Protein backbone atom coordinates (compact mmCIF):
# COMPACT_ATOMS: atom_id res chain seq x y z
CA MET A 1 0.92 -24.07 22.89
CA PRO A 2 3.72 -25.45 20.99
CA ASP A 3 3.88 -24.77 17.22
CA GLN A 4 5.13 -28.13 16.45
CA PRO A 5 5.33 -31.17 18.80
CA ASP A 6 8.24 -33.24 18.89
CA GLY A 7 8.32 -36.05 16.10
CA ALA A 8 5.05 -34.62 14.47
CA PRO A 9 5.00 -34.47 10.64
CA ALA A 10 5.93 -31.57 8.73
CA PRO A 11 3.03 -28.94 8.48
CA SER A 12 0.86 -28.91 5.34
CA PRO A 13 1.39 -25.76 3.11
CA TYR A 14 -2.15 -24.78 3.52
CA THR A 15 -3.78 -23.63 6.89
CA VAL A 16 -6.92 -25.13 7.80
CA THR A 17 -9.39 -23.22 10.24
CA VAL A 18 -12.20 -25.29 11.86
CA VAL A 19 -14.85 -22.97 13.41
CA GLY A 20 -16.62 -24.70 16.21
CA LEU A 21 -15.05 -27.01 18.45
CA GLY A 22 -18.00 -29.43 19.56
CA GLY A 23 -18.13 -33.14 19.07
CA THR A 24 -18.09 -32.53 15.00
CA GLY A 25 -15.38 -29.76 15.24
CA LEU A 26 -13.16 -31.86 17.69
CA ALA A 27 -13.04 -34.51 15.37
CA LEU A 28 -12.25 -33.17 12.23
CA VAL A 29 -9.72 -31.12 14.09
CA ARG A 30 -8.06 -34.22 15.26
CA ARG A 31 -8.06 -35.97 11.87
CA LEU A 32 -6.69 -32.77 10.26
CA ALA A 33 -3.92 -32.05 12.67
CA GLY A 34 -3.32 -35.94 13.21
CA ALA A 35 -2.36 -36.10 9.47
CA GLY A 36 0.27 -33.00 9.70
CA LEU A 37 -2.23 -30.89 8.60
CA THR A 38 -1.70 -26.86 10.21
CA VAL A 39 -4.86 -26.44 11.95
CA VAL A 40 -6.05 -23.55 13.80
CA GLY A 41 -9.27 -24.15 16.32
CA VAL A 42 -11.74 -21.54 16.58
CA ASP A 43 -14.22 -21.34 19.42
CA ASP A 44 -15.81 -18.57 21.91
CA ASP A 45 -17.01 -21.25 24.34
CA PRO A 46 -14.55 -21.73 27.10
CA ALA A 47 -15.34 -25.20 27.59
CA ALA A 48 -14.99 -26.24 23.99
CA LEU A 49 -11.46 -24.56 24.06
CA GLY A 50 -10.11 -26.74 27.21
CA ARG A 51 -11.51 -29.97 25.35
CA VAL A 52 -9.51 -29.03 22.74
CA ARG A 53 -6.36 -28.46 24.69
CA ASP A 54 -6.83 -31.95 26.33
CA LEU A 55 -5.83 -33.74 23.16
CA SER A 56 -2.69 -35.60 22.49
CA PRO A 57 0.12 -33.36 21.25
CA SER A 58 -0.07 -35.23 17.52
CA GLU A 59 -4.05 -34.16 17.49
CA ARG A 60 -3.86 -30.85 18.57
CA PRO A 61 -4.33 -27.64 16.07
CA ARG A 62 -1.46 -25.28 16.01
CA THR A 63 -3.14 -22.58 17.63
CA VAL A 64 -6.76 -22.56 19.54
CA THR A 65 -8.17 -19.01 19.73
CA ARG A 66 -11.53 -17.04 19.66
CA PHE A 67 -13.32 -15.93 16.71
CA PRO A 68 -12.45 -14.08 14.38
CA ALA A 69 -8.90 -14.79 14.71
CA GLY A 70 -7.45 -17.58 12.84
CA VAL A 71 -9.77 -16.82 10.24
CA ALA A 72 -7.70 -14.23 7.84
CA THR A 73 -4.79 -16.38 7.68
CA ALA A 74 -6.87 -19.57 6.37
CA ASP A 75 -6.42 -21.19 3.37
CA LEU A 76 -9.71 -23.27 3.82
CA VAL A 77 -12.20 -22.28 6.49
CA ILE A 78 -14.52 -25.48 7.81
CA GLU A 79 -17.80 -24.43 9.76
CA ALA A 80 -18.52 -27.15 12.16
CA VAL A 81 -21.37 -25.58 14.49
CA PRO A 82 -24.44 -27.42 15.40
CA GLU A 83 -27.09 -27.85 12.52
CA PRO A 84 -29.82 -25.09 12.54
CA ALA A 85 -29.81 -23.11 9.26
CA ALA A 86 -30.00 -19.77 11.22
CA LEU A 87 -27.05 -20.43 13.22
CA LYS A 88 -24.84 -21.60 10.18
CA ARG A 89 -26.01 -18.34 8.06
CA LEU A 90 -24.94 -16.41 11.27
CA VAL A 91 -21.60 -17.67 12.04
CA LEU A 92 -20.96 -18.13 7.95
CA ALA A 93 -21.94 -14.61 7.42
CA LYS A 94 -19.29 -13.49 10.11
CA VAL A 95 -16.46 -15.80 8.73
CA ARG A 96 -17.06 -14.05 5.42
CA ARG A 97 -16.15 -10.81 6.58
CA HIS A 98 -12.85 -11.85 7.42
CA LEU A 99 -11.89 -14.21 4.60
CA ARG A 100 -9.20 -13.40 1.91
CA PRO A 101 -10.55 -13.31 -1.73
CA GLY A 102 -10.85 -17.00 -3.29
CA THR A 103 -10.53 -19.10 0.44
CA PRO A 104 -13.16 -21.98 0.40
CA VAL A 105 -15.49 -22.45 3.07
CA LEU A 106 -16.65 -26.11 4.07
CA THR A 107 -20.04 -26.02 5.74
CA THR A 108 -21.06 -29.45 7.91
CA ALA A 109 -24.48 -28.57 6.79
CA LEU A 110 -26.10 -32.17 6.17
CA THR A 111 -29.90 -30.73 6.29
CA THR A 112 -29.84 -27.43 4.80
CA SER A 113 -29.01 -27.06 0.99
CA LEU A 114 -25.88 -24.86 -0.01
CA ALA A 115 -28.24 -22.28 -1.95
CA ASP A 116 -30.02 -21.49 1.70
CA LEU A 117 -26.59 -20.42 2.56
CA GLU A 118 -24.58 -19.20 -0.39
CA GLU A 119 -25.56 -15.59 0.16
CA ALA A 120 -24.02 -15.68 3.78
CA ALA A 121 -21.31 -17.24 3.02
CA GLY A 122 -20.02 -16.23 -0.30
CA PRO A 123 -19.21 -17.87 -3.44
CA ASP A 124 -16.69 -20.29 -2.76
CA LEU A 125 -18.68 -22.73 -1.01
CA PHE A 126 -18.94 -26.21 -0.39
CA ALA A 127 -20.58 -28.78 1.98
CA LEU A 128 -18.79 -31.63 3.78
CA ARG A 129 -21.36 -34.11 4.69
CA PHE A 130 -20.90 -37.06 6.71
CA LEU A 131 -22.70 -39.08 9.48
CA ARG A 132 -20.12 -40.06 12.09
CA ALA A 133 -17.56 -37.49 13.27
CA ASP A 134 -15.59 -40.89 14.82
CA ASP A 135 -15.25 -42.34 11.12
CA LEU A 136 -13.83 -39.56 8.48
CA ASP A 137 -12.07 -41.76 5.99
CA ALA A 138 -14.47 -40.69 3.34
CA VAL A 139 -17.15 -37.87 2.93
CA GLU A 140 -19.50 -36.68 0.61
CA VAL A 141 -18.73 -32.83 -0.84
CA ALA A 142 -21.53 -30.89 -2.79
CA ARG A 143 -20.42 -27.74 -4.55
CA ALA A 144 -22.31 -24.67 -4.79
CA ALA A 145 -23.29 -22.83 -8.16
CA ARG A 146 -20.99 -20.08 -7.67
CA ALA A 147 -18.27 -21.94 -6.39
CA GLY A 148 -14.95 -21.81 -8.46
CA ASP A 149 -12.63 -24.45 -9.86
CA ALA A 150 -9.56 -23.24 -8.09
CA ALA A 151 -11.25 -23.39 -4.76
CA ALA A 152 -12.81 -26.88 -5.68
CA GLU A 153 -9.23 -28.08 -6.21
CA ARG A 154 -8.10 -26.89 -2.97
CA VAL A 155 -10.73 -28.29 -0.96
CA GLU A 156 -9.73 -31.59 -3.11
CA HIS A 157 -6.23 -31.19 -2.00
CA ILE A 158 -6.48 -30.57 1.41
CA LEU A 159 -9.06 -33.66 1.89
CA THR A 160 -6.56 -35.77 -0.10
CA ALA A 161 -4.08 -34.75 2.20
CA ALA A 162 -5.92 -35.66 5.49
CA GLY A 163 -6.42 -39.24 4.02
CA ILE A 164 -10.06 -38.55 3.62
CA THR A 165 -11.81 -39.51 0.05
CA ALA A 166 -14.47 -37.17 -1.19
CA HIS A 167 -17.16 -38.71 -3.10
CA ARG A 168 -18.68 -35.49 -5.25
CA VAL A 169 -22.43 -34.96 -5.15
CA VAL A 170 -25.44 -33.40 -6.00
CA ASP A 171 -26.64 -30.66 -3.46
CA ARG A 172 -29.43 -32.00 -1.50
CA PRO A 173 -30.62 -32.43 2.19
CA GLY A 174 -29.60 -35.48 3.80
CA SER A 175 -26.95 -35.97 0.84
CA LEU A 176 -26.94 -39.81 -0.53
CA ALA A 177 -25.27 -41.90 2.18
CA PRO A 178 -26.35 -40.10 5.11
CA GLY A 179 -29.41 -39.48 4.53
CA LEU A 180 -30.17 -43.43 3.29
CA LEU A 181 -28.32 -44.28 6.71
CA LEU A 182 -30.47 -41.81 8.94
CA GLY A 183 -34.04 -43.62 7.35
CA LEU A 184 -32.81 -47.41 8.31
CA LEU A 185 -31.47 -45.69 11.66
CA ASN A 186 -34.52 -44.10 12.72
CA ARG A 187 -36.72 -47.31 11.62
CA ALA A 188 -34.57 -49.07 13.84
CA ALA A 189 -35.40 -46.79 16.72
CA TRP A 190 -38.95 -47.37 15.71
CA MET A 191 -38.68 -51.19 16.48
CA VAL A 192 -37.51 -49.99 19.81
CA HIS A 193 -40.00 -48.00 20.57
CA ASP A 194 -43.01 -50.07 19.55
CA GLY A 195 -41.69 -52.89 21.77
CA TYR A 196 -41.34 -55.34 18.89
CA ALA A 197 -37.91 -55.80 19.17
CA THR A 198 -34.96 -54.89 22.09
CA ALA A 199 -32.10 -52.99 20.85
CA GLU A 200 -29.70 -56.32 21.19
CA ASP A 201 -31.75 -57.76 19.13
CA VAL A 202 -32.02 -55.29 16.59
CA ASP A 203 -28.46 -54.96 16.29
CA THR A 204 -27.39 -58.35 16.11
CA ALA A 205 -29.70 -59.13 13.52
CA MET A 206 -28.24 -56.40 11.05
CA ARG A 207 -24.74 -57.57 12.05
CA LEU A 208 -25.31 -61.27 11.42
CA GLY A 209 -28.34 -60.81 9.00
CA CYS A 210 -26.48 -58.06 6.76
CA GLY A 211 -23.05 -57.84 7.55
CA TRP A 212 -22.93 -54.76 9.33
CA ARG A 213 -19.89 -54.18 11.88
CA GLU A 214 -22.01 -52.40 14.14
CA GLY A 215 -25.90 -52.66 14.34
CA PRO A 216 -27.92 -49.51 13.75
CA LEU A 217 -29.06 -48.73 17.23
CA ALA A 218 -24.95 -48.59 18.16
CA VAL A 219 -24.46 -46.48 15.37
CA LEU A 220 -26.71 -44.21 16.61
CA ASP A 221 -25.19 -43.87 19.92
CA ALA A 222 -22.01 -43.20 18.21
CA ILE A 223 -23.80 -40.31 16.13
CA GLY A 224 -25.03 -38.86 19.34
CA LEU A 225 -29.03 -39.21 20.03
CA ASP A 226 -29.36 -35.35 20.67
CA THR A 227 -27.86 -34.87 17.20
CA ALA A 228 -29.43 -37.69 15.33
CA ARG A 229 -32.76 -36.43 16.65
CA ASP A 230 -32.47 -33.31 15.22
CA LEU A 231 -31.10 -34.43 11.91
CA LEU A 232 -34.02 -37.00 11.30
CA SER A 233 -36.76 -33.50 12.65
CA ARG A 234 -35.29 -31.57 9.70
CA LEU A 235 -35.18 -33.91 7.58
CA ALA A 236 -38.73 -35.06 8.30
CA GLU A 237 -39.56 -31.48 7.38
CA THR A 238 -37.48 -30.74 4.06
CA SER A 239 -37.14 -34.27 2.41
CA ASP A 240 -39.73 -36.85 0.75
CA GLY A 241 -39.45 -40.25 2.37
CA HIS A 242 -38.49 -39.30 5.73
CA ALA A 243 -40.41 -40.04 8.85
CA SER A 244 -40.40 -38.06 11.99
CA PRO A 245 -37.73 -39.06 14.84
CA ALA A 246 -38.96 -42.36 16.56
CA PRO A 247 -40.20 -40.99 19.96
CA VAL A 248 -37.78 -43.31 22.29
CA LEU A 249 -35.09 -40.74 21.26
CA ASP A 250 -36.66 -38.00 22.95
CA GLU A 251 -37.24 -40.10 26.07
CA LEU A 252 -33.52 -41.45 26.23
CA ILE A 253 -32.30 -37.80 25.74
CA ALA A 254 -34.55 -36.50 28.63
CA ARG A 255 -32.69 -39.02 30.60
CA GLY A 256 -29.35 -37.67 29.51
CA ALA A 257 -28.75 -40.66 27.50
CA LEU A 258 -27.22 -39.23 24.80
CA GLY A 259 -25.10 -42.02 23.35
CA ARG A 260 -21.45 -42.85 24.06
CA LYS A 261 -20.63 -39.33 24.57
CA THR A 262 -22.70 -39.97 27.96
CA GLY A 263 -21.72 -43.39 28.42
CA ARG A 264 -25.30 -44.84 27.64
CA GLY A 265 -28.17 -44.36 25.07
CA PHE A 266 -29.60 -47.48 23.46
CA HIS A 267 -26.77 -49.50 24.85
CA ARG A 268 -24.44 -48.95 28.05
CA HIS A 269 -20.93 -47.63 27.08
CA ASP A 270 -19.69 -46.96 30.85
CA ARG A 271 -19.10 -50.50 31.87
CA GLY A 272 -18.27 -53.90 30.71
CA PRO A 273 -20.58 -56.30 29.11
CA GLY A 274 -23.93 -56.70 31.22
CA PRO A 275 -25.15 -60.30 32.21
CA GLY A 276 -26.80 -60.29 28.97
CA ARG A 277 -30.34 -61.94 28.43
CA PRO A 278 -32.32 -63.29 31.13
CA ALA A 279 -32.38 -67.25 31.55
CA GLU A 280 -35.24 -68.73 30.29
CA PRO A 281 -36.82 -72.05 31.24
CA THR A 282 -34.56 -74.87 30.04
CA ALA A 283 -36.51 -76.93 27.35
CA PRO A 284 -34.83 -80.24 25.48
CA PRO A 285 -35.52 -79.56 21.80
CA GLY A 286 -35.53 -82.88 20.90
CA ARG A 287 -33.76 -84.86 17.94
CA ARG A 288 -36.28 -85.67 15.70
CA VAL A 289 -36.73 -82.87 12.80
CA VAL A 290 -39.00 -82.99 9.45
CA VAL A 291 -38.22 -79.90 7.20
CA VAL A 292 -41.08 -79.76 4.71
CA GLY A 293 -39.95 -78.44 1.02
CA SER A 294 -37.49 -79.10 -1.55
CA GLY A 295 -35.89 -76.33 -2.87
CA THR A 296 -33.06 -73.97 -1.91
CA MET A 297 -34.21 -72.92 1.67
CA ALA A 298 -35.57 -76.33 2.49
CA THR A 299 -32.53 -78.12 1.70
CA GLY A 300 -29.82 -75.50 3.33
CA ILE A 301 -31.90 -75.80 6.30
CA ALA A 302 -32.12 -79.62 6.21
CA GLU A 303 -28.11 -79.39 5.97
CA SER A 304 -28.05 -77.09 9.25
CA PHE A 305 -30.25 -79.49 11.01
CA VAL A 306 -28.06 -82.45 9.97
CA ARG A 307 -24.64 -80.58 11.11
CA GLY A 308 -26.41 -79.91 14.54
CA GLY A 309 -27.00 -83.46 15.20
CA PHE A 310 -30.39 -84.03 14.72
CA ASP A 311 -31.85 -86.95 13.12
CA THR A 312 -33.65 -85.17 9.70
CA THR A 313 -36.09 -85.94 7.34
CA LEU A 314 -36.68 -84.10 4.41
CA LEU A 315 -40.24 -84.07 3.02
CA ALA A 316 -41.01 -83.18 -0.75
CA ARG A 317 -44.04 -83.75 -2.59
CA THR A 318 -42.92 -86.25 -5.00
CA GLU A 319 -40.18 -89.06 -4.84
CA GLU A 320 -38.18 -87.53 -7.41
CA LYS A 321 -38.23 -84.11 -5.69
CA ALA A 322 -37.08 -85.67 -2.78
CA GLN A 323 -34.43 -87.71 -4.17
CA ALA A 324 -33.16 -84.26 -6.13
CA ALA A 325 -33.38 -82.87 -2.86
CA ALA A 326 -31.20 -85.44 -0.85
CA GLU A 327 -28.43 -85.42 -3.41
CA ARG A 328 -27.89 -81.95 -3.24
CA VAL A 329 -27.79 -82.02 0.74
CA GLU A 330 -25.67 -85.16 0.85
CA PHE A 331 -23.52 -83.16 -1.85
CA ALA A 332 -22.90 -80.53 0.40
CA LEU A 333 -22.45 -82.88 3.36
CA GLN A 334 -19.35 -84.56 1.52
CA ARG A 335 -18.17 -81.74 -0.09
CA THR A 336 -17.31 -79.94 3.22
CA GLY A 337 -17.51 -82.78 5.61
CA PRO A 338 -20.73 -83.68 7.89
CA ASP A 339 -19.22 -81.40 10.74
CA VAL A 340 -21.89 -82.99 13.08
CA GLU A 341 -22.51 -81.25 16.60
CA GLY A 342 -23.43 -83.47 19.28
CA GLY A 343 -22.93 -87.03 18.03
CA GLU A 344 -23.63 -88.90 14.88
CA SER A 345 -26.93 -87.79 13.26
CA CYS A 346 -29.04 -89.55 10.17
CA PHE A 347 -30.40 -87.92 7.21
CA THR A 348 -33.39 -89.40 4.79
CA ALA A 349 -35.26 -87.78 2.21
CA THR A 350 -39.24 -88.89 1.32
CA ALA A 351 -42.45 -88.05 0.21
CA ASP A 352 -44.13 -90.61 2.88
CA ARG A 353 -46.16 -87.95 4.77
CA SER A 354 -46.54 -90.54 7.73
CA VAL A 355 -42.96 -89.15 8.88
CA LEU A 356 -45.06 -86.52 10.22
CA VAL A 357 -46.67 -88.41 13.23
CA ALA A 358 -43.42 -88.94 15.27
CA VAL A 359 -41.50 -85.96 15.49
CA ASP A 360 -40.46 -83.35 17.84
CA LEU A 361 -40.17 -80.26 15.47
CA VAL A 362 -41.56 -79.48 12.00
CA VAL A 363 -40.01 -76.92 10.11
CA GLU A 364 -42.24 -75.70 6.71
CA ALA A 365 -40.01 -74.19 4.33
CA VAL A 366 -42.50 -74.38 1.20
CA VAL A 367 -43.28 -71.80 -1.29
CA GLU A 368 -44.02 -68.40 0.11
CA ASP A 369 -47.41 -68.64 -0.86
CA LEU A 370 -49.99 -67.78 2.07
CA GLU A 371 -52.74 -70.28 0.80
CA VAL A 372 -49.89 -73.52 0.50
CA LYS A 373 -48.55 -72.77 3.82
CA ARG A 374 -52.27 -72.72 5.29
CA ALA A 375 -52.86 -75.90 3.81
CA LEU A 376 -49.96 -77.84 5.15
CA PHE A 377 -50.62 -76.36 8.88
CA ALA A 378 -54.07 -77.58 8.83
CA GLU A 379 -52.58 -80.91 7.76
CA LEU A 380 -49.84 -80.71 10.51
CA GLY A 381 -52.48 -79.65 13.07
CA GLU A 382 -54.34 -83.20 12.45
CA VAL A 383 -51.37 -85.29 12.22
CA CYS A 384 -48.49 -84.66 14.16
CA ALA A 385 -48.29 -85.51 17.84
CA PRO A 386 -49.40 -83.30 20.66
CA ARG A 387 -46.63 -80.89 21.66
CA THR A 388 -44.98 -81.08 18.57
CA LEU A 389 -43.40 -77.57 17.54
CA LEU A 390 -44.28 -76.45 14.33
CA ALA A 391 -42.17 -73.71 12.64
CA THR A 392 -42.83 -71.93 9.55
CA SER A 393 -39.81 -70.28 7.83
CA THR A 394 -41.98 -67.56 6.13
CA SER A 395 -39.51 -64.28 5.43
CA SER A 396 -42.67 -62.15 4.74
CA LEU A 397 -45.82 -63.22 5.48
CA SER A 398 -47.73 -63.26 8.79
CA VAL A 399 -46.86 -66.39 11.13
CA ALA A 400 -50.04 -66.41 12.74
CA ASP A 401 -51.92 -66.26 9.19
CA CYS A 402 -49.69 -69.08 8.09
CA THR A 403 -49.70 -71.21 11.21
CA GLU A 404 -53.64 -70.37 12.45
CA PRO A 405 -55.26 -73.73 10.61
CA ALA A 406 -53.12 -75.79 12.73
CA GLY A 407 -55.35 -75.03 15.99
CA ARG A 408 -52.27 -75.20 17.92
CA PRO A 409 -51.64 -71.26 19.01
CA ALA A 410 -49.15 -72.64 21.81
CA ASP A 411 -46.96 -74.73 19.66
CA VAL A 412 -46.66 -72.98 16.14
CA LEU A 413 -43.97 -69.82 15.60
CA GLY A 414 -41.99 -68.51 12.87
CA LEU A 415 -38.34 -69.67 12.38
CA HIS A 416 -36.70 -67.26 9.78
CA PHE A 417 -33.57 -68.72 8.51
CA PHE A 418 -31.31 -66.60 6.19
CA ASN A 419 -29.71 -67.89 2.63
CA PRO A 420 -27.42 -69.57 2.46
CA ALA A 421 -29.15 -71.35 5.63
CA PRO A 422 -25.61 -73.59 6.78
CA VAL A 423 -23.45 -70.40 6.55
CA MET A 424 -25.72 -67.62 8.04
CA ARG A 425 -25.51 -67.56 11.70
CA LEU A 426 -28.63 -65.63 12.25
CA VAL A 427 -32.30 -67.13 12.92
CA GLU A 428 -35.36 -64.69 13.66
CA LEU A 429 -37.57 -66.26 16.19
CA VAL A 430 -41.19 -64.88 15.68
CA ALA A 431 -43.57 -65.56 17.85
CA ALA A 432 -47.05 -65.64 16.96
CA LYS A 433 -50.07 -64.39 19.50
CA GLY A 434 -50.23 -67.50 21.04
CA THR A 435 -46.91 -69.26 21.55
CA SER A 436 -45.94 -70.29 25.06
CA ALA A 437 -42.89 -69.39 26.53
CA HIS A 438 -41.91 -72.84 27.09
CA ASN A 439 -42.10 -73.39 23.09
CA LEU A 440 -40.12 -70.12 22.65
CA ALA A 441 -37.24 -71.51 24.85
CA ARG A 442 -37.38 -74.58 22.74
CA ALA A 443 -36.82 -73.03 19.39
CA ARG A 444 -34.05 -70.94 21.21
CA ALA A 445 -32.53 -74.08 22.32
CA VAL A 446 -32.55 -75.71 18.50
CA ALA A 447 -30.87 -72.45 17.06
CA GLU A 448 -28.29 -72.65 19.95
CA ARG A 449 -27.89 -76.47 19.14
CA LEU A 450 -27.40 -75.39 15.17
CA GLY A 451 -24.46 -72.69 16.34
CA LYS A 452 -27.19 -69.74 15.56
CA GLN A 453 -27.85 -66.82 17.12
CA ALA A 454 -31.50 -66.23 17.58
CA VAL A 455 -33.23 -62.91 17.64
CA ARG A 456 -36.74 -62.27 18.82
CA CYS A 457 -39.31 -60.17 17.23
CA GLY A 458 -42.96 -59.64 16.65
CA ASP A 459 -44.81 -61.19 14.09
CA ARG A 460 -45.45 -58.39 11.22
CA ALA A 461 -44.00 -57.86 8.06
CA GLY A 462 -40.62 -58.38 7.40
CA PHE A 463 -39.44 -59.09 10.76
CA ILE A 464 -36.39 -57.43 11.62
CA VAL A 465 -33.98 -57.44 8.67
CA ASN A 466 -36.31 -57.38 5.67
CA ALA A 467 -38.10 -54.55 7.42
CA LEU A 468 -35.36 -52.76 7.74
CA LEU A 469 -33.52 -53.45 4.20
CA PHE A 470 -35.86 -52.92 1.40
CA PRO A 471 -37.17 -49.82 2.74
CA TYR A 472 -33.66 -48.58 2.33
CA LEU A 473 -33.15 -49.98 -1.04
CA ASN A 474 -36.85 -48.59 -2.06
CA GLN A 475 -35.19 -45.14 -0.90
CA ALA A 476 -32.14 -45.63 -2.98
CA LEU A 477 -34.19 -46.29 -6.08
CA GLU A 478 -35.95 -43.13 -5.46
CA LEU A 479 -32.81 -41.18 -5.41
CA LEU A 480 -31.75 -42.54 -8.90
CA ASP A 481 -35.37 -42.05 -10.46
CA ALA A 482 -34.62 -38.60 -9.33
CA GLU A 483 -31.37 -38.52 -10.90
CA ALA A 484 -29.84 -37.60 -8.25
CA THR A 485 -26.86 -39.36 -8.63
CA THR A 486 -25.85 -42.92 -10.51
CA THR A 487 -25.57 -46.28 -9.72
CA ALA A 488 -21.61 -46.40 -9.36
CA ALA A 489 -21.65 -43.27 -7.68
CA LEU A 490 -24.37 -44.45 -5.13
CA ASP A 491 -23.12 -47.86 -4.13
CA ALA A 492 -19.22 -46.26 -3.70
CA ALA A 493 -20.90 -43.54 -1.58
CA ALA A 494 -23.13 -46.00 0.49
CA ARG A 495 -19.93 -48.48 1.19
CA SER A 496 -17.32 -45.61 1.82
CA VAL A 497 -19.17 -43.33 3.41
CA GLY A 498 -21.88 -45.51 5.02
CA GLY A 499 -19.84 -48.12 5.67
CA GLN A 500 -21.93 -50.79 3.75
CA PRO A 501 -20.85 -53.87 2.94
CA LEU A 502 -22.41 -53.70 -0.42
CA GLY A 503 -24.14 -50.56 -2.18
CA PRO A 504 -27.65 -50.48 -2.69
CA VAL A 505 -27.59 -51.07 -6.47
CA ARG A 506 -25.87 -53.90 -5.61
CA LEU A 507 -27.32 -55.46 -3.07
CA LEU A 508 -30.66 -55.23 -5.05
CA ASP A 509 -29.43 -57.26 -7.82
CA THR A 510 -27.95 -59.97 -5.17
CA VAL A 511 -31.60 -60.07 -4.15
CA GLY A 512 -33.77 -59.73 -6.72
CA ALA A 513 -35.75 -57.05 -7.82
CA ASP A 514 -39.14 -58.90 -7.89
CA VAL A 515 -38.73 -60.04 -4.34
CA ALA A 516 -37.68 -56.59 -3.25
CA LEU A 517 -41.06 -55.21 -4.95
CA GLU A 518 -42.98 -58.54 -3.37
CA VAL A 519 -41.68 -57.45 0.17
CA GLN A 520 -41.92 -53.76 0.02
CA ARG A 521 -45.35 -53.83 -1.27
CA ARG A 522 -45.85 -56.35 1.96
CA LEU A 523 -44.72 -53.77 4.51
CA HIS A 524 -46.44 -51.04 2.84
CA ALA A 525 -49.51 -53.01 3.54
CA ASP A 526 -48.82 -53.62 7.12
CA PRO A 527 -49.69 -50.15 9.03
CA ARG A 528 -47.17 -51.11 12.19
CA CYS A 529 -43.96 -50.84 9.69
CA ARG A 530 -44.61 -47.18 8.50
CA SER A 531 -43.01 -48.35 5.04
CA PRO A 532 -43.52 -46.18 2.02
CA ARG A 533 -45.00 -47.32 -1.18
CA SER A 534 -43.15 -49.00 -3.86
CA ALA A 535 -40.47 -46.65 -5.95
CA PRO A 536 -41.74 -46.33 -9.14
CA LEU A 537 -38.21 -47.56 -10.53
CA LEU A 538 -38.86 -50.53 -8.56
CA GLU A 539 -42.23 -51.29 -10.37
CA GLN A 540 -40.63 -50.56 -13.86
CA LEU A 541 -37.49 -52.61 -13.05
CA VAL A 542 -40.02 -55.62 -12.51
CA ALA A 543 -42.10 -54.88 -15.57
CA ALA A 544 -39.12 -54.79 -17.57
CA GLY A 545 -37.86 -58.03 -16.58
CA HIS A 546 -34.46 -56.36 -15.20
CA LEU A 547 -34.54 -58.61 -11.76
CA GLY A 548 -30.64 -58.27 -11.13
CA ARG A 549 -28.39 -61.43 -11.25
CA LYS A 550 -31.41 -63.90 -11.82
CA THR A 551 -31.40 -62.09 -14.99
CA PRO A 552 -27.56 -62.27 -16.24
CA GLY A 553 -27.10 -58.73 -17.88
CA LYS A 554 -30.28 -57.38 -17.10
CA GLY A 555 -30.71 -55.25 -13.44
CA ALA A 556 -30.95 -51.68 -12.08
CA ARG A 557 -27.57 -50.44 -13.94
CA THR A 558 -28.79 -52.09 -17.42
CA TYR A 559 -31.96 -50.60 -17.03
CA LEU A 560 -31.32 -46.85 -16.32
CA ALA A 561 -28.60 -47.16 -18.89
CA SER A 562 -31.09 -47.94 -21.31
CA ARG A 563 -33.40 -45.32 -20.39
CA ALA A 564 -30.92 -42.86 -20.33
CA ALA A 565 -30.22 -43.65 -23.85
CA ALA A 566 -33.64 -43.81 -25.21
CA PRO A 567 -34.39 -41.32 -27.73
CA VAL A 568 -36.94 -38.44 -26.18
CA PRO A 569 -40.26 -38.23 -28.22
CA ALA A 570 -40.78 -35.23 -30.29
CA THR A 571 -43.05 -32.97 -29.29
CA VAL A 572 -45.60 -31.09 -31.64
C-alpha cells in the first residue's frame, strides 16, 4: 500500500494506531485518514484487513498490519474492539506491553468505566465515547484518574486535527448524550415490540414532532441492532434507569436484520422506497367543523382548519372568550394570508352551543382536565347528529376515558395536534378501543386536507412523542441531580454528540417543568409505558416555581445555580 496517495493532505506529525478494524474501528480509520492524519490499522482478522484495503485512497491508513506491529511507533493508540469488558482488558493489556512510555490510549468502551480498565491499560487512559460510528463530528472524552496532562493535551490536539469536537465528561457507564439517547431509542423499540405503533410512524412522529433528522429506529439501524442490543444489555446491568433491551431487537437479529450494514433492520435499506402505507377506505371528511375551546391550542387548531378549507366554528364558554379567540384567529389569518386549500372557507366564533347539532367533526380542545372533558363528551353524545366524528385533542389523558361518556365508541378518537398547530405538520391519530376503521380513515383524510402527516398509535399515556420525550428529559435531570455534569455541558453534548436540535435543559425550560412533571407522572402510572418515577429534581423545580420560560429568570439553570451557591448547613 502506498505511503501517501497523490493529492492527499500532508501527514500529521503524530501517528495514530487503531486496534480493531470492525465497524467502529473502520469508521475511525476513515475519519482520521480522511483528515490527513498518519494512521496505522491493526487487526488479526484477515477479513477486517481486507475491508480496509477496499477503502478509497484518501481514507486508507498508511499501513495495515497484524498485532502488535504498529503499536510501538504510535503517538496515540485507539482500541476499538467490541464492547465486552473482558475482551477490552485483554487487548489493552497486550497493547500496554508494546507502548512507548507516555503514549496515551483511547478506548471506545461505552458501558465500562475507565477504573475497570486502567489496571490493564496503564496510566494514560482515556475513553472516546459516541454512539454512531458514521457520525464522528463530536465525541465525549473521559479521563482516567492517573492520566497525565501531557497525554490529555495530545489527545485533544489529535482529535482537533481530525475535525472532531471533544466534550470533556466524567467517567460513567453510558456517558452523557449516548446513554440518554440509548434510553430513548430503546423505548421506541419497545413501542414496536408491543404493537403500539409501526417503525415508520414512530420515526415520522419524532422527525416532525421533535425536529429529528432521522427517527429513533432509523438511528438504531445506523448503529447496528446487534451493537445496540449489547450496549443496552450492559447498561441495564450497570446503570440505574435503563430498561432491558426490547425483545424485538433479538427477533430482528435472529433473522439477520442488523440494520444498514445488512440492508434491513426496522427499515429496508437495500432498495428504494416501498409502496408505503396500505390504502385505507376512502371517506370524505366533510367540511363543517366545530373546535371547542378558546385557549392557545383551540385557536391554533381552528386556524389550521380555516387554512385547510373547512367551514370552521370556534365554540367558547362565553361570548367574551369567543370574541377574544376570534380576534386571535383573524389576526393570524390576516398577518400571513389565509392560504386556504380547496376553495373558500368561513370562520365564526360563538358561545351558542346549538352549532354542535349539524356538523361533520367536533374537535375538543378544552383544559387538560379529565372531568371537564368527560362532561363535554357526554353533551356531544346527546346533541351531535349521528355519525359526527368526535375527537379529543388531549396530549396525555386516555382517549377512552375522555370520550366514553359520549356513548358512541365507533365515532370517537384522539387527534393530538402539536403547538403551534398551524405550523407543526404532525398529528397523532389515536384509536380508542371501539373506533371504526371508517372513522379512522375519515380522520386521516382530515389531517391530509390540513396538510399534516398523521401517525397512528394506541391509546395509552403520552402517545408516541411525549412517551419518548419526557422520560428522556427526566433522565437528563437525574444526571444533573447526581452532579455528573452541568446544564451547559449537558445541552452542548446532547446537541453535538447526540444530534438533538435542542439540549434537554433548554427543551425542559421551553415546555415547562410543571408540564413535564404532570406528563411524567401519568407515564409512570401507566405500566404499559415502562416509565420511571419523576426525578426528584423535577419535583423540586416545580415546588420552587422554577418552571422555565413561563417564569422568566427561573428555570433549571437558575435553580441549580442557586442550590450550588446555598451555604452548607453547619453540623454539630
